């Protein structure tokens, strides 16, 4: 038994030595579902380096298509730098459930994300939230209603909107009758691929394998996905985002590709952010369109890494009187 204990101790010391010697840090990764309400569940990926217990968390919000897979390069880059990462599919998107009759307004999506964070993280945890496209507005709503927790927002080509109305969503809804047949699915794939290429400075990243992974959840339940996309598109927003931007106290980084695309934020959307958000920085990502997380993930990682490091709060000073210490005697 003594030999076994000695061997276990030596193994632990060896692991610590190897980690400190510069090899990749061990990471605990979980994939699970969280119940937001009866019939409503959010798909979650959580990655946590073992030595990052008290550091800020990167919360990544995918768009309607691609789920956690769309963030894979950014996710890996952040974990490699020692950051904690949460990827949450908003209701109706990606691998999350798609209930009929749910409130799909973007402010309601933010409320669900806030409830999840309250459940999953301690009150002191700080979060940098990044959103793709329309999900960036969910991030803005979240920052407005959870000012104590949200320490920064990164919008990846997402202007402030009040409904799900991206060009890709409109194409899917227009093709809805066709998409429920085999021929229609083939046409839908071509339309989707064309839309992706329009949004990319270099579409070589969009391989056959990537396209299949992006589209697999939709093709498994075409009717259900189209129904929910329609519900999202028609959802009425009780809290227009323009009325909430002034409540955002966290700094925002708006990332724009240097190649104009149909889905890029409009001039009016950018001006609204500049005039309403207290602290905003606009970053240009070179050699990228709207889908910069796929084309130039290293640049996105650098921005988020900078935000996460800036969000680390210094430890509060110790008050000797509260501890009952007498430093004068």
C-alpha atoms as a PDB file:
ATOM      1  CA  UNK A   1       0.000   0.000   0.000  1.00  0.00           C
ATOM      2  CA  UNK A   2       2.848   2.364   0.850  1.00  0.00           C
ATOM      3  CA  UNK A   3       4.383   1.752  -2.572  1.00  0.00           C
ATOM      4  CA  UNK A   4       1.044   2.508  -4.251  1.00  0.00           C
ATOM      5  CA  UNK A   5       0.686   5.768  -2.317  1.00  0.00           C
ATOM      6  CA  UNK A   6       4.231   6.751  -3.215  1.00  0.00           C
ATOM      7  CA  UNK A   7       3.578   5.958  -6.877  1.00  0.00           C
ATOM      8  CA  UNK A   8       0.376   8.054  -6.813  1.00  0.00           C
ATOM      9  CA  UNK A   9       2.219  11.001  -5.258  1.00  0.00           C
ATOM     10  CA  UNK A  10       5.026  10.739  -7.816  1.00  0.00           C
ATOM     11  CA  UNK A  11       2.459  10.629 -10.622  1.00  0.00           C
ATOM     12  CA  UNK A  12       0.810  13.792  -9.302  1.00  0.00           C
ATOM     13  CA  UNK A  13       4.137  15.592  -9.040  1.00  0.00           C
ATOM     14  CA  UNK A  14       5.022  14.466 -12.551  1.00  0.00           C
ATOM     15  CA  UNK A  15       1.726  15.823 -13.905  1.00  0.00           C
ATOM     16  CA  UNK A  16       2.322  19.189 -12.218  1.00  0.00           C
ATOM     17  CA  UNK A  17       5.873  19.267 -13.564  1.00  0.00           C
ATOM     18  CA  UNK A  18       4.784  18.441 -17.097  1.00  0.00           C
ATOM     19  CA  UNK A  19       2.025  21.074 -17.025  1.00  0.00           C
ATOM     20  CA  UNK A  20       4.412  23.714 -15.717  1.00  0.00           C
ATOM     21  CA  UNK A  21       7.020  22.692 -18.282  1.00  0.00           C
ATOM     22  CA  UNK A  22       4.908  24.182 -21.064  1.00  0.00           C
ATOM     23  CA  UNK A  23       2.756  21.354 -22.348  1.00  0.00           C
ATOM     24  CA  UNK A  24      -0.963  22.030 -22.952  1.00  0.00           C
ATOM     25  CA  UNK A  25      -2.876  22.529 -19.724  1.00  0.00           C
ATOM     26  CA  UNK A  26      -5.451  19.834 -18.852  1.00  0.00           C
ATOM     27  CA  UNK A  27      -8.959  20.945 -19.766  1.00  0.00           C
ATOM     28  CA  UNK A  28     -12.296  19.641 -18.497  1.00  0.00           C
ATOM     29  CA  UNK A  29     -14.936  19.807 -21.259  1.00  0.00           C
ATOM     30  CA  UNK A  30     -18.639  19.030 -20.839  1.00  0.00           C
ATOM     31  CA  UNK A  31     -21.515  18.976 -23.311  1.00  0.00           C
ATOM     32  CA  UNK A  32     -24.925  19.149 -21.669  1.00  0.00           C
ATOM     33  CA  UNK A  33     -28.425  20.594 -21.844  1.00  0.00           C
ATOM     34  CA  UNK A  34     -29.857  23.088 -19.380  1.00  0.00           C
ATOM     35  CA  UNK A  35     -33.589  23.397 -18.800  1.00  0.00           C
ATOM     36  CA  UNK A  36     -34.698  27.008 -19.098  1.00  0.00           C
ATOM     37  CA  UNK A  37     -38.416  26.188 -18.705  1.00  0.00           C
ATOM     38  CA  UNK A  38     -40.742  23.241 -19.395  1.00  0.00           C
ATOM     39  CA  UNK A  39     -40.067  22.213 -22.990  1.00  0.00           C
ATOM     40  CA  UNK A  40     -37.172  24.677 -23.315  1.00  0.00           C
ATOM     41  CA  UNK A  41     -33.574  23.445 -23.112  1.00  0.00           C
ATOM     42  CA  UNK A  42     -30.324  25.112 -24.130  1.00  0.00           C
ATOM     43  CA  UNK A  43     -27.382  23.171 -25.566  1.00  0.00           C
ATOM     44  CA  UNK A  44     -24.173  24.048 -23.719  1.00  0.00           C
ATOM     45  CA  UNK A  45     -20.476  23.348 -24.172  1.00  0.00           C
ATOM     46  CA  UNK A  46     -18.280  24.196 -21.191  1.00  0.00           C
ATOM     47  CA  UNK A  47     -14.484  24.056 -21.279  1.00  0.00           C
ATOM     48  CA  UNK A  48     -12.461  24.864 -18.200  1.00  0.00           C
ATOM     49  CA  UNK A  49      -8.673  24.659 -17.781  1.00  0.00           C
ATOM     50  CA  UNK A  50      -8.030  23.263 -14.310  1.00  0.00           C
ATOM     51  CA  UNK A  51      -6.061  26.304 -13.176  1.00  0.00           C
ATOM     52  CA  UNK A  52      -8.577  28.935 -14.345  1.00  0.00           C
ATOM     53  CA  UNK A  53     -11.091  28.763 -11.490  1.00  0.00           C
ATOM     54  CA  UNK A  54     -11.322  32.494 -10.746  1.00  0.00           C
ATOM     55  CA  UNK A  55     -10.734  34.003 -14.181  1.00  0.00           C
ATOM     56  CA  UNK A  56     -13.352  35.690 -16.400  1.00  0.00           C
ATOM     57  CA  UNK A  57     -15.414  33.473 -18.688  1.00  0.00           C
ATOM     58  CA  UNK A  58     -15.791  33.777 -22.456  1.00  0.00           C
ATOM     59  CA  UNK A  59     -19.462  33.264 -23.348  1.00  0.00           C
ATOM     60  CA  UNK A  60     -19.821  32.512 -27.066  1.00  0.00           C
ATOM     61  CA  UNK A  61     -23.265  32.753 -28.694  1.00  0.00           C
ATOM     62  CA  UNK A  62     -23.644  31.021 -32.086  1.00  0.00           C
ATOM     63  CA  UNK A  63     -26.051  32.152 -34.773  1.00  0.00           C
ATOM     64  CA  UNK A  64     -29.040  30.206 -36.151  1.00  0.00           C
ATOM     65  CA  UNK A  65     -26.794  27.820 -38.114  1.00  0.00           C
ATOM     66  CA  UNK A  66     -23.566  26.112 -37.065  1.00  0.00           C
ATOM     67  CA  UNK A  67     -24.072  25.699 -33.313  1.00  0.00           C
ATOM     68  CA  UNK A  68     -20.960  25.264 -31.135  1.00  0.00           C
ATOM     69  CA  UNK A  69     -19.114  23.857 -34.153  1.00  0.00           C
ATOM     70  CA  UNK A  70     -19.027  27.319 -35.749  1.00  0.00           C
ATOM     71  CA  UNK A  71     -16.936  28.579 -32.790  1.00  0.00           C
ATOM     72  CA  UNK A  72     -14.532  25.614 -32.805  1.00  0.00           C
ATOM     73  CA  UNK A  73     -11.381  27.533 -33.841  1.00  0.00           C
ATOM     74  CA  UNK A  74     -12.008  30.431 -31.449  1.00  0.00           C
ATOM     75  CA  UNK A  75     -12.951  27.993 -28.679  1.00  0.00           C
ATOM     76  CA  UNK A  76      -9.698  26.060 -29.112  1.00  0.00           C
ATOM     77  CA  UNK A  77      -7.645  29.245 -29.290  1.00  0.00           C
ATOM     78  CA  UNK A  78      -9.087  30.632 -26.055  1.00  0.00           C
ATOM     79  CA  UNK A  79      -8.666  27.368 -24.159  1.00  0.00           C
ATOM     80  CA  UNK A  80      -5.057  27.169 -25.359  1.00  0.00           C
ATOM     81  CA  UNK A  81      -4.511  30.560 -23.704  1.00  0.00           C
ATOM     82  CA  UNK A  82      -5.947  29.292 -20.426  1.00  0.00           C
ATOM     83  CA  UNK A  83      -9.415  30.851 -20.608  1.00  0.00           C
ATOM     84  CA  UNK A  84     -12.708  29.351 -19.479  1.00  0.00           C
ATOM     85  CA  UNK A  85     -15.251  29.046 -22.294  1.00  0.00           C
ATOM     86  CA  UNK A  86     -19.023  28.604 -22.403  1.00  0.00           C
ATOM     87  CA  UNK A  87     -20.844  28.126 -25.715  1.00  0.00           C
ATOM     88  CA  UNK A  88     -24.634  28.372 -25.462  1.00  0.00           C
ATOM     89  CA  UNK A  89     -27.073  27.910 -28.340  1.00  0.00           C
ATOM     90  CA  UNK A  90     -30.010  30.302 -27.836  1.00  0.00           C
ATOM     91  CA  UNK A  91     -33.427  28.658 -27.861  1.00  0.00           C
ATOM     92  CA  UNK A  92     -34.414  27.463 -31.326  1.00  0.00           C
ATOM     93  CA  UNK A  93     -30.852  27.644 -32.640  1.00  0.00           C
ATOM     94  CA  UNK A  94     -28.281  24.932 -33.223  1.00  0.00           C
ATOM     95  CA  UNK A  95     -28.696  21.979 -30.863  1.00  0.00           C
ATOM     96  CA  UNK A  96     -31.085  23.721 -28.439  1.00  0.00           C
ATOM     97  CA  UNK A  97     -34.745  22.710 -28.370  1.00  0.00           C
ATOM     98  CA  UNK A  98     -37.226  24.291 -30.790  1.00  0.00           C
ATOM     99  CA  UNK A  99     -40.579  24.522 -28.974  1.00  0.00           C
ATOM    100  CA  UNK A 100     -43.597  26.029 -30.701  1.00  0.00           C
ATOM    101  CA  UNK A 101     -45.177  28.987 -28.985  1.00  0.00           C
ATOM    102  CA  UNK A 102     -42.032  30.048 -27.102  1.00  0.00           C
ATOM    103  CA  UNK A 103     -41.015  33.699 -26.831  1.00  0.00           C
ATOM    104  CA  UNK A 104     -38.250  34.048 -29.419  1.00  0.00           C
ATOM    105  CA  UNK A 105     -37.738  37.791 -29.032  1.00  0.00           C
ATOM    106  CA  UNK A 106     -34.077  38.666 -28.607  1.00  0.00           C
ATOM    107  CA  UNK A 107     -34.669  40.192 -25.162  1.00  0.00           C
ATOM    108  CA  UNK A 108     -36.318  36.927 -24.032  1.00  0.00           C
ATOM    109  CA  UNK A 109     -33.297  35.026 -25.346  1.00  0.00           C
ATOM    110  CA  UNK A 110     -31.073  37.248 -23.210  1.00  0.00           C
ATOM    111  CA  UNK A 111     -33.211  36.557 -20.130  1.00  0.00           C
ATOM    112  CA  UNK A 112     -32.750  32.803 -20.638  1.00  0.00           C
ATOM    113  CA  UNK A 113     -28.988  33.242 -20.969  1.00  0.00           C
ATOM    114  CA  UNK A 114     -28.936  35.326 -17.792  1.00  0.00           C
ATOM    115  CA  UNK A 115     -30.880  32.650 -15.889  1.00  0.00           C
ATOM    116  CA  UNK A 116     -28.409  30.051 -17.132  1.00  0.00           C
ATOM    117  CA  UNK A 117     -25.432  32.118 -15.954  1.00  0.00           C
ATOM    118  CA  UNK A 118     -27.079  32.598 -12.545  1.00  0.00           C
ATOM    119  CA  UNK A 119     -27.365  28.818 -12.293  1.00  0.00           C
ATOM    120  CA  UNK A 120     -23.966  27.896 -13.708  1.00  0.00           C
ATOM    121  CA  UNK A 121     -21.587  30.560 -12.355  1.00  0.00           C
ATOM    122  CA  UNK A 122     -20.988  32.150  -8.945  1.00  0.00           C
ATOM    123  CA  UNK A 123     -22.267  35.733  -8.526  1.00  0.00           C
ATOM    124  CA  UNK A 124     -18.721  37.104  -8.614  1.00  0.00           C
ATOM    125  CA  UNK A 125     -17.887  35.587 -12.007  1.00  0.00           C
ATOM    126  CA  UNK A 126     -17.283  38.093 -14.793  1.00  0.00           C
ATOM    127  CA  UNK A 127     -18.205  37.336 -18.392  1.00  0.00           C
ATOM    128  CA  UNK A 128     -17.074  38.550 -21.786  1.00  0.00           C
ATOM    129  CA  UNK A 129     -19.901  37.739 -24.186  1.00  0.00           C
ATOM    130  CA  UNK A 130     -19.371  37.412 -27.938  1.00  0.00           C
ATOM    131  CA  UNK A 131     -22.166  37.023 -30.471  1.00  0.00           C
ATOM    132  CA  UNK A 132     -22.305  36.175 -34.158  1.00  0.00           C
ATOM    133  CA  UNK A 133     -24.602  38.285 -36.318  1.00  0.00           C
ATOM    134  CA  UNK A 134     -28.073  38.500 -34.763  1.00  0.00           C
ATOM    135  CA  UNK A 135     -26.827  36.845 -31.561  1.00  0.00           C
ATOM    136  CA  UNK A 136     -24.730  39.965 -30.972  1.00  0.00           C
ATOM    137  CA  UNK A 137     -27.993  41.761 -30.147  1.00  0.00           C
ATOM    138  CA  UNK A 138     -28.709  39.070 -27.544  1.00  0.00           C
ATOM    139  CA  UNK A 139     -25.302  39.936 -26.066  1.00  0.00           C
ATOM    140  CA  UNK A 140     -26.253  43.628 -25.990  1.00  0.00           C
ATOM    141  CA  UNK A 141     -29.535  42.889 -24.203  1.00  0.00           C
ATOM    142  CA  UNK A 142     -27.651  40.701 -21.713  1.00  0.00           C
ATOM    143  CA  UNK A 143     -25.142  43.464 -21.012  1.00  0.00           C
ATOM    144  CA  UNK A 144     -27.997  45.921 -20.409  1.00  0.00           C
ATOM    145  CA  UNK A 145     -29.831  43.710 -17.888  1.00  0.00           C
ATOM    146  CA  UNK A 146     -26.807  42.138 -16.155  1.00  0.00           C
ATOM    147  CA  UNK A 147     -24.366  44.999 -15.752  1.00  0.00           C
ATOM    148  CA  UNK A 148     -22.632  43.475 -12.722  1.00  0.00           C
ATOM    149  CA  UNK A 149     -21.668  40.282 -14.535  1.00  0.00           C
ATOM    150  CA  UNK A 150     -21.016  41.314 -18.144  1.00  0.00           C
ATOM    151  CA  UNK A 151     -17.576  42.898 -18.362  1.00  0.00           C
ATOM    152  CA  UNK A 152     -17.438  43.275 -22.125  1.00  0.00           C
ATOM    153  CA  UNK A 153     -19.218  42.606 -25.414  1.00  0.00           C
ATOM    154  CA  UNK A 154     -17.722  41.517 -28.722  1.00  0.00           C
ATOM    155  CA  UNK A 155     -20.009  41.796 -31.732  1.00  0.00           C
ATOM    156  CA  UNK A 156     -18.787  39.855 -34.745  1.00  0.00           C
ATOM    157  CA  UNK A 157     -20.367  41.789 -37.611  1.00  0.00           C
ATOM    158  CA  UNK A 158     -23.625  42.059 -35.696  1.00  0.00           C
ATOM    159  CA  UNK A 159     -25.531  45.317 -35.797  1.00  0.00           C
ATOM    160  CA  UNK A 160     -28.399  46.064 -33.378  1.00  0.00           C
ATOM    161  CA  UNK A 161     -31.642  44.470 -34.631  1.00  0.00           C
ATOM    162  CA  UNK A 162     -35.069  43.683 -33.215  1.00  0.00           C
ATOM    163  CA  UNK A 163     -35.831  40.474 -35.116  1.00  0.00           C
ATOM    164  CA  UNK A 164     -34.172  37.499 -36.762  1.00  0.00           C
ATOM    165  CA  UNK A 165     -34.054  38.724 -40.342  1.00  0.00           C
ATOM    166  CA  UNK A 166     -30.661  37.838 -41.794  1.00  0.00           C
ATOM    167  CA  UNK A 167     -30.420  37.117 -45.499  1.00  0.00           C
ATOM    168  CA  UNK A 168     -29.806  33.421 -44.785  1.00  0.00           C
ATOM    169  CA  UNK A 169     -32.998  33.206 -42.703  1.00  0.00           C
ATOM    170  CA  UNK A 170     -35.015  34.963 -45.405  1.00  0.00           C
ATOM    171  CA  UNK A 171     -33.681  32.558 -48.043  1.00  0.00           C
ATOM    172  CA  UNK A 172     -34.618  29.565 -45.875  1.00  0.00           C
ATOM    173  CA  UNK A 173     -38.154  30.870 -45.337  1.00  0.00           C
ATOM    174  CA  UNK A 174     -38.616  31.620 -49.041  1.00  0.00           C
ATOM    175  CA  UNK A 175     -37.517  28.079 -49.920  1.00  0.00           C
ATOM    176  CA  UNK A 176     -39.558  26.432 -47.147  1.00  0.00           C
ATOM    177  CA  UNK A 177     -41.950  24.506 -49.451  1.00  0.00           C
ATOM    178  CA  UNK A 178     -39.041  23.126 -51.492  1.00  0.00           C
ATOM    179  CA  UNK A 179     -36.770  22.259 -48.572  1.00  0.00           C
ATOM    180  CA  UNK A 180     -39.061  19.438 -47.464  1.00  0.00           C
ATOM    181  CA  UNK A 181     -38.189  17.380 -50.555  1.00  0.00           C
ATOM    182  CA  UNK A 182     -34.891  15.763 -51.560  1.00  0.00           C
ATOM    183  CA  UNK A 183     -34.563  18.022 -54.603  1.00  0.00           C
ATOM    184  CA  UNK A 184     -35.437  21.023 -52.491  1.00  0.00           C
ATOM    185  CA  UNK A 185     -32.740  20.147 -49.957  1.00  0.00           C
ATOM    186  CA  UNK A 186     -30.151  20.045 -52.748  1.00  0.00           C
ATOM    187  CA  UNK A 187     -31.303  23.472 -53.956  1.00  0.00           C
ATOM    188  CA  UNK A 188     -31.249  24.767 -50.384  1.00  0.00           C
ATOM    189  CA  UNK A 189     -27.683  23.535 -49.909  1.00  0.00           C
ATOM    190  CA  UNK A 190     -26.558  25.391 -53.031  1.00  0.00           C
ATOM    191  CA  UNK A 191     -28.317  28.574 -51.922  1.00  0.00           C
ATOM    192  CA  UNK A 192     -26.792  28.331 -48.454  1.00  0.00           C
ATOM    193  CA  UNK A 193     -23.314  27.714 -49.888  1.00  0.00           C
ATOM    194  CA  UNK A 194     -23.730  30.694 -52.204  1.00  0.00           C
ATOM    195  CA  UNK A 195     -24.751  32.922 -49.276  1.00  0.00           C
ATOM    196  CA  UNK A 196     -21.711  31.774 -47.268  1.00  0.00           C
ATOM    197  CA  UNK A 197     -19.366  32.554 -50.158  1.00  0.00           C
ATOM    198  CA  UNK A 198     -20.883  36.026 -50.485  1.00  0.00           C
ATOM    199  CA  UNK A 199     -19.995  36.639 -46.837  1.00  0.00           C
ATOM    200  CA  UNK A 200     -16.386  35.401 -47.113  1.00  0.00           C
ATOM    201  CA  UNK A 201     -13.278  37.120 -48.425  1.00  0.00           C
ATOM    202  CA  UNK A 202     -11.846  33.654 -49.093  1.00  0.00           C
ATOM    203  CA  UNK A 203     -14.486  30.891 -49.048  1.00  0.00           C
ATOM    204  CA  UNK A 204     -11.919  28.071 -49.107  1.00  0.00           C
ATOM    205  CA  UNK A 205     -12.682  27.398 -45.416  1.00  0.00           C
ATOM    206  CA  UNK A 206     -16.198  26.263 -46.394  1.00  0.00           C
ATOM    207  CA  UNK A 207     -15.339  22.701 -47.352  1.00  0.00           C
ATOM    208  CA  UNK A 208     -17.816  19.909 -48.032  1.00  0.00           C
ATOM    209  CA  UNK A 209     -17.211  18.579 -44.511  1.00  0.00           C
ATOM    210  CA  UNK A 210     -17.846  21.969 -42.908  1.00  0.00           C
ATOM    211  CA  UNK A 211     -21.015  22.492 -44.963  1.00  0.00           C
ATOM    212  CA  UNK A 212     -22.347  19.078 -43.935  1.00  0.00           C
ATOM    213  CA  UNK A 213     -21.658  19.752 -40.248  1.00  0.00           C
ATOM    214  CA  UNK A 214     -23.315  23.177 -40.401  1.00  0.00           C
ATOM    215  CA  UNK A 215     -26.433  21.839 -42.117  1.00  0.00           C
ATOM    216  CA  UNK A 216     -26.836  18.459 -40.401  1.00  0.00           C
ATOM    217  CA  UNK A 217     -29.090  19.687 -37.524  1.00  0.00           C
ATOM    218  CA  UNK A 218     -31.371  21.482 -39.981  1.00  0.00           C
ATOM    219  CA  UNK A 219     -31.646  18.543 -42.355  1.00  0.00           C
ATOM    220  CA  UNK A 220     -32.524  16.161 -39.515  1.00  0.00           C
ATOM    221  CA  UNK A 221     -35.637  18.218 -38.725  1.00  0.00           C
ATOM    222  CA  UNK A 222     -36.357  20.477 -41.679  1.00  0.00           C
ATOM    223  CA  UNK A 223     -40.003  21.094 -40.852  1.00  0.00           C
ATOM    224  CA  UNK A 224     -39.330  21.875 -37.176  1.00  0.00           C
ATOM    225  CA  UNK A 225     -36.411  24.165 -37.985  1.00  0.00           C
ATOM    226  CA  UNK A 226     -38.346  26.116 -40.616  1.00  0.00           C
ATOM    227  CA  UNK A 227     -41.308  26.520 -38.269  1.00  0.00           C
ATOM    228  CA  UNK A 228     -39.082  27.960 -35.546  1.00  0.00           C
ATOM    229  CA  UNK A 229     -37.244  30.233 -37.993  1.00  0.00           C
ATOM    230  CA  UNK A 230     -40.642  31.623 -38.964  1.00  0.00           C
ATOM    231  CA  UNK A 231     -41.538  32.091 -35.277  1.00  0.00           C
ATOM    232  CA  UNK A 232     -38.234  33.901 -34.701  1.00  0.00           C
ATOM    233  CA  UNK A 233     -38.726  36.111 -37.738  1.00  0.00           C
ATOM    234  CA  UNK A 234     -42.233  37.087 -36.581  1.00  0.00           C
ATOM    235  CA  UNK A 235     -41.433  37.493 -32.860  1.00  0.00           C
ATOM    236  CA  UNK A 236     -42.372  40.903 -31.481  1.00  0.00           C
ATOM    237  CA  UNK A 237     -39.673  42.615 -29.460  1.00  0.00           C
ATOM    238  CA  UNK A 238     -41.086  44.235 -26.281  1.00  0.00           C
ATOM    239  CA  UNK A 239     -37.748  45.945 -25.538  1.00  0.00           C
ATOM    240  CA  UNK A 240     -36.269  47.525 -28.695  1.00  0.00           C
ATOM    241  CA  UNK A 241     -32.506  47.336 -28.470  1.00  0.00           C
ATOM    242  CA  UNK A 242     -32.169  51.075 -29.202  1.00  0.00           C
ATOM    243  CA  UNK A 243     -33.912  51.763 -25.881  1.00  0.00           C
ATOM    244  CA  UNK A 244     -31.406  49.628 -23.979  1.00  0.00           C
ATOM    245  CA  UNK A 245     -28.030  50.523 -25.456  1.00  0.00           C
ATOM    246  CA  UNK A 246     -27.685  53.455 -23.072  1.00  0.00           C
ATOM    247  CA  UNK A 247     -27.874  51.008 -20.152  1.00  0.00           C
ATOM    248  CA  UNK A 248     -24.806  49.098 -21.366  1.00  0.00           C
ATOM    249  CA  UNK A 249     -21.857  50.051 -19.165  1.00  0.00           C
ATOM    250  CA  UNK A 250     -19.461  47.337 -20.358  1.00  0.00           C
ATOM    251  CA  UNK A 251     -17.047  48.227 -23.170  1.00  0.00           C
ATOM    252  CA  UNK A 252     -17.963  46.916 -26.613  1.00  0.00           C
ATOM    253  CA  UNK A 253     -15.738  45.791 -29.462  1.00  0.00           C
ATOM    254  CA  UNK A 254     -17.421  45.778 -32.883  1.00  0.00           C
ATOM    255  CA  UNK A 255     -15.467  43.542 -35.255  1.00  0.00           C
ATOM    256  CA  UNK A 256     -15.954  44.240 -38.959  1.00  0.00           C
ATOM    257  CA  UNK A 257     -14.339  42.461 -41.883  1.00  0.00           C
ATOM    258  CA  UNK A 258     -12.565  44.586 -44.484  1.00  0.00           C
ATOM    259  CA  UNK A 259     -14.660  43.010 -47.269  1.00  0.00           C
ATOM    260  CA  UNK A 260     -18.212  44.436 -47.525  1.00  0.00           C
ATOM    261  CA  UNK A 261     -20.939  41.773 -47.464  1.00  0.00           C
ATOM    262  CA  UNK A 262     -24.761  41.785 -47.618  1.00  0.00           C
ATOM    263  CA  UNK A 263     -24.965  40.809 -43.927  1.00  0.00           C
ATOM    264  CA  UNK A 264     -22.544  43.427 -42.577  1.00  0.00           C
ATOM    265  CA  UNK A 265     -23.992  46.070 -40.223  1.00  0.00           C
ATOM    266  CA  UNK A 266     -25.424  49.088 -42.015  1.00  0.00           C
ATOM    267  CA  UNK A 267     -24.105  52.617 -41.568  1.00  0.00           C
ATOM    268  CA  UNK A 268     -27.193  53.486 -39.493  1.00  0.00           C
ATOM    269  CA  UNK A 269     -26.611  50.494 -37.197  1.00  0.00           C
ATOM    270  CA  UNK A 270     -22.971  51.423 -36.637  1.00  0.00           C
ATOM    271  CA  UNK A 271     -23.890  55.065 -35.958  1.00  0.00           C
ATOM    272  CA  UNK A 272     -26.524  53.956 -33.432  1.00  0.00           C
ATOM    273  CA  UNK A 273     -23.911  51.945 -31.529  1.00  0.00           C
ATOM    274  CA  UNK A 274     -21.361  54.768 -31.652  1.00  0.00           C
ATOM    275  CA  UNK A 275     -23.856  57.308 -30.297  1.00  0.00           C
ATOM    276  CA  UNK A 276     -25.573  55.117 -27.684  1.00  0.00           C
ATOM    277  CA  UNK A 277     -22.897  52.799 -26.250  1.00  0.00           C
ATOM    278  CA  UNK A 278     -20.709  54.518 -23.669  1.00  0.00           C
ATOM    279  CA  UNK A 279     -17.462  52.880 -24.701  1.00  0.00           C
ATOM    280  CA  UNK A 280     -17.097  51.241 -28.111  1.00  0.00           C
ATOM    281  CA  UNK A 281     -14.108  50.313 -30.238  1.00  0.00           C
ATOM    282  CA  UNK A 282     -14.404  49.302 -33.888  1.00  0.00           C
ATOM    283  CA  UNK A 283     -11.839  46.744 -35.040  1.00  0.00           C
ATOM    284  CA  UNK A 284     -11.220  45.912 -38.693  1.00  0.00           C
ATOM    285  CA  UNK A 285     -10.362  42.268 -39.330  1.00  0.00           C
ATOM    286  CA  UNK A 286      -8.208  42.002 -42.445  1.00  0.00           C
ATOM    287  CA  UNK A 287      -8.896  39.485 -45.199  1.00  0.00           C
ATOM    288  CA  UNK A 288     -12.336  38.662 -43.809  1.00  0.00           C
ATOM    289  CA  UNK A 289     -16.006  39.179 -44.526  1.00  0.00           C
ATOM    290  CA  UNK A 290     -18.849  38.643 -42.080  1.00  0.00           C
ATOM    291  CA  UNK A 291     -17.712  35.156 -41.016  1.00  0.00           C
ATOM    292  CA  UNK A 292     -14.403  36.242 -39.502  1.00  0.00           C
ATOM    293  CA  UNK A 293     -14.539  33.555 -36.794  1.00  0.00           C
ATOM    294  CA  UNK A 294     -14.039  31.036 -39.618  1.00  0.00           C
ATOM    295  CA  UNK A 295     -11.727  33.049 -41.876  1.00  0.00           C
ATOM    296  CA  UNK A 296      -9.466  34.744 -39.312  1.00  0.00           C
ATOM    297  CA  UNK A 297     -10.091  33.010 -35.969  1.00  0.00           C
ATOM    298  CA  UNK A 298      -6.656  33.954 -34.608  1.00  0.00           C
ATOM    299  CA  UNK A 299      -7.555  37.656 -34.861  1.00  0.00           C
ATOM    300  CA  UNK A 300     -10.853  37.051 -33.050  1.00  0.00           C
ATOM    301  CA  UNK A 301      -9.018  35.098 -30.344  1.00  0.00           C
ATOM    302  CA  UNK A 302      -6.575  37.986 -29.856  1.00  0.00           C
ATOM    303  CA  UNK A 303      -9.429  40.453 -29.349  1.00  0.00           C
ATOM    304  CA  UNK A 304     -11.250  38.207 -26.871  1.00  0.00           C
ATOM    305  CA  UNK A 305      -8.013  37.361 -25.060  1.00  0.00           C
ATOM    306  CA  UNK A 306      -7.333  41.081 -24.628  1.00  0.00           C
ATOM    307  CA  UNK A 307     -10.856  41.631 -23.270  1.00  0.00           C
ATOM    308  CA  UNK A 308     -10.664  38.668 -20.891  1.00  0.00           C
ATOM    309  CA  UNK A 309      -7.326  39.790 -19.480  1.00  0.00           C
ATOM    310  CA  UNK A 310      -8.634  43.333 -19.074  1.00  0.00           C
ATOM    311  CA  UNK A 311     -11.650  42.031 -17.134  1.00  0.00           C
ATOM    312  CA  UNK A 312      -9.578  40.429 -14.396  1.00  0.00           C
ATOM    313  CA  UNK A 313     -10.313  42.341 -11.224  1.00  0.00           C
ATOM    314  CA  UNK A 314      -7.437  42.964  -8.831  1.00  0.00           C
ATOM    315  CA  UNK A 315      -7.900  41.392  -5.437  1.00  0.00           C
ATOM    316  CA  UNK A 316      -9.551  43.862  -3.014  1.00  0.00           C
ATOM    317  CA  UNK A 317      -7.193  45.239  -0.354  1.00  0.00           C
ATOM    318  CA  UNK A 318      -7.389  43.627   3.055  1.00  0.00           C
ATOM    319  CA  UNK A 319      -9.058  45.806   5.683  1.00  0.00           C
ATOM    320  CA  UNK A 320      -7.145  45.181   8.969  1.00  0.00           C
ATOM    321  CA  UNK A 321     -10.056  46.439  11.113  1.00  0.00           C
ATOM    322  CA  UNK A 322     -12.509  43.971   9.531  1.00  0.00           C
ATOM    323  CA  UNK A 323     -10.053  41.169  10.321  1.00  0.00           C
ATOM    324  CA  UNK A 324      -9.627  42.385  13.895  1.00  0.00           C
ATOM    325  CA  UNK A 325      -5.908  43.063  13.439  1.00  0.00           C
ATOM    326  CA  UNK A 326      -4.068  45.732  15.445  1.00  0.00           C
ATOM    327  CA  UNK A 327      -1.188  47.012  13.325  1.00  0.00           C
ATOM    328  CA  UNK A 328      -0.227  49.801  15.751  1.00  0.00           C
ATOM    329  CA  UNK A 329       0.903  47.702  18.635  1.00  0.00           C
END
